[in-house]
Amino acid sequence: MEAKAIAKYVRISPLKVNFICAEIRGKQVDEALSILKFTPKKGAKALEKVLNSAVANAENNFNMDRENLYVSEAYANEGPRMKRFRPKARGMAYPIIKRSSHIGIVVKESN
């Protein structure tokens, strides 16, 4: 049995979030939450919210025990990009790409 939660259109680059996802993948839920709480990055706060939501989904919707939950998947896929342009010398335009991500976490119950 598995429960998941997804946060869409989070305004942070998926590359930055995937570094933090790699740290919590495969860990017990409480250990992963403590790692995220003390990680001083913007993506850690977004991941913490999604993890709490996935745990709540597991407890309330599937009657899973919190003590046996672990993070089986943690990922950040690329969302839509906002394209902006900055003026440069000689009438040229310099593109600015503001990336967003879809952050997802899947928790499973260990046997």
Protein backbone atom coordinates (compact mmCIF):
# COMPACT_ATOMS: atom_id res chain seq x y z
CA MET A 1 0.00 0.00 0.00
CA GLU A 2 1.27 3.46 -0.80
CA ALA A 3 0.15 7.04 -0.31
CA LYS A 4 1.37 10.05 -2.22
CA ALA A 5 1.20 13.83 -2.32
CA ILE A 6 2.13 16.27 -5.08
CA ALA A 7 2.73 20.02 -4.95
CA LYS A 8 2.43 21.58 -8.38
CA TYR A 9 3.83 24.82 -9.79
CA VAL A 10 6.31 25.43 -6.97
CA ARG A 11 8.49 28.39 -7.97
CA ILE A 12 11.90 26.74 -7.56
CA SER A 13 14.14 24.98 -10.04
CA PRO A 14 13.71 21.19 -10.05
CA LEU A 15 17.48 20.73 -10.04
CA LYS A 16 17.73 22.47 -6.67
CA VAL A 17 14.95 20.35 -5.17
CA ASN A 18 16.28 17.03 -6.53
CA PHE A 19 19.46 17.39 -4.49
CA ILE A 20 17.37 17.43 -1.32
CA CYS A 21 15.09 14.63 -2.60
CA ALA A 22 18.12 12.35 -2.88
CA GLU A 23 18.89 12.84 0.82
CA ILE A 24 15.48 11.67 2.07
CA ARG A 25 14.77 8.87 -0.43
CA GLY A 26 14.54 5.52 1.37
CA LYS A 27 14.54 6.99 4.89
CA GLN A 28 11.94 6.53 7.62
CA VAL A 29 9.39 9.37 7.73
CA ASP A 30 10.47 10.85 11.06
CA GLU A 31 14.14 10.76 10.07
CA ALA A 32 13.33 12.42 6.73
CA LEU A 33 11.35 15.16 8.49
CA SER A 34 14.24 15.92 10.83
CA ILE A 35 16.65 16.08 7.87
CA LEU A 36 14.36 18.52 6.06
CA LYS A 37 13.81 20.63 9.17
CA PHE A 38 17.54 21.30 9.57
CA THR A 39 18.40 21.69 5.87
CA PRO A 40 18.87 25.44 5.21
CA LYS A 41 17.48 25.50 1.67
CA LYS A 42 14.26 26.85 0.19
CA GLY A 43 13.41 23.50 -1.40
CA ALA A 44 13.55 21.73 1.97
CA LYS A 45 10.59 23.74 3.24
CA ALA A 46 8.49 22.81 0.18
CA LEU A 47 9.50 19.15 0.51
CA GLU A 48 8.61 19.17 4.20
CA LYS A 49 5.08 20.35 3.40
CA VAL A 50 4.62 17.67 0.75
CA LEU A 51 5.98 14.95 3.06
CA ASN A 52 3.62 15.98 5.86
CA SER A 53 0.74 15.85 3.39
CA ALA A 54 1.73 12.37 2.17
CA VAL A 55 1.94 11.11 5.76
CA ALA A 56 -1.48 12.59 6.54
CA ASN A 57 -2.90 10.92 3.41
CA ALA A 58 -1.44 7.58 4.52
CA GLU A 59 -2.86 7.85 8.03
CA ASN A 60 -6.31 9.19 7.20
CA ASN A 61 -7.12 7.59 3.85
CA PHE A 62 -5.37 4.22 4.10
CA ASN A 63 -5.16 3.66 7.91
CA MET A 64 -1.40 3.10 7.80
CA ASP A 65 0.75 3.26 10.92
CA ARG A 66 3.09 6.28 10.97
CA GLU A 67 5.87 4.29 12.69
CA ASN A 68 6.18 1.91 9.72
CA LEU A 69 6.17 4.52 6.93
CA TYR A 70 9.20 5.26 4.79
CA VAL A 71 9.82 7.51 1.77
CA SER A 72 9.87 5.21 -1.26
CA GLU A 73 9.93 7.95 -3.92
CA ALA A 74 10.81 11.63 -3.81
CA TYR A 75 11.08 13.57 -7.04
CA ALA A 76 10.85 17.03 -8.58
CA ASN A 77 9.72 17.15 -12.18
CA GLU A 78 9.94 20.21 -14.36
CA GLY A 79 6.87 22.44 -14.48
CA PRO A 80 6.14 25.26 -16.90
CA ARG A 81 8.80 27.93 -17.38
CA MET A 82 8.09 31.64 -17.26
CA LYS A 83 10.01 33.43 -19.98
CA ARG A 84 11.04 37.03 -19.42
CA PHE A 85 13.40 39.28 -21.38
CA ARG A 86 15.96 41.77 -20.15
CA PRO A 87 17.23 44.55 -22.39
CA LYS A 88 20.89 44.35 -23.35
CA ALA A 89 23.32 46.47 -25.32
CA ARG A 90 22.66 47.50 -28.93
CA GLY A 91 18.92 46.83 -28.73
CA MET A 92 19.22 43.13 -28.02
CA ALA A 93 17.13 41.11 -25.55
CA TYR A 94 18.52 38.65 -23.03
CA PRO A 95 16.15 35.78 -22.05
CA ILE A 96 15.48 35.04 -18.39
CA ILE A 97 13.90 31.64 -17.72
CA LYS A 98 12.15 31.25 -14.36
CA ARG A 99 11.68 27.55 -13.72
CA SER A 100 9.00 25.85 -11.66
CA SER A 101 8.63 22.28 -10.48
CA HIS A 102 6.11 19.64 -9.54
CA ILE A 103 7.28 18.03 -6.28
CA GLY A 104 6.01 14.56 -5.38
CA ILE A 105 6.56 12.14 -2.53
CA VAL A 106 5.34 8.55 -2.21
CA VAL A 107 5.36 6.85 1.20
CA LYS A 108 4.97 3.10 1.73
CA GLU A 109 4.50 0.91 4.76
CA SER A 110 7.41 -1.38 5.61
CA ASN A 111 6.69 -4.93 6.67
